[in-house]
Amino acid sequence: MAAPGEVLRNVAIFGALSDETLAFLNDRLEHVFVPAGELFFEEGEMGEAVYVLESGRAEVEKCREGRRIVLASLEAGACFGEIALVAICPRSASVRAVEDCRAARLANGVLFELHGRDLEQFTLLQMNLGREIARRLNDTSELLFQHMLVEAERDALISGRLGHALK
């Protein structure tokens, strides 16, 4: 587990923030325990905080028609739920503890405090959030493209077999 005051220091969205701002944010962190098998949050809930996993392992998942698909595995140091600090929208996925987890939780209301306190640091944090969300969108787009390539190859293979069988 990270030393007090160091939880946020090595997390990309908090990069380049001043020591004073990191201390301000750290003082407002809530440390939570989530037992194995339980949810940090559920898809569809309104997002109200970002989390930094301090210990344990968790998984990002989506469920449809009774099927659970794991989208990502999270280890200590991972940051998740960051869209809640930018957009007022429901969670796009659930995060479930695979092992007992400890995490630092930063409520989105703290950003309002930071905005009133230090507009420059608030802006830097917003830029960092935008970069992280853009990076994740880029990764997701690449995965979608790879999936579509596999589907196209499968369809071409099936069409080729059907065409050959009809001759």
Foldseek 3Di string as FASTA:
>chain_A
DDDQLCQCDPAQLLPPFDSVVSNLQSVQWDKDKAAAFDWPDAFFAWQWKKKAWQAAKKFWWDDDPRDIDTDDIDGHGDIDSLVNLPDGGTHHTIMGTNHITIIIIGTSVVLVVCCVVPVVSSVSSVVSSVVVVVVVVVVVVVVVVVVVVVVVVVVVVVVVVVVVVVD
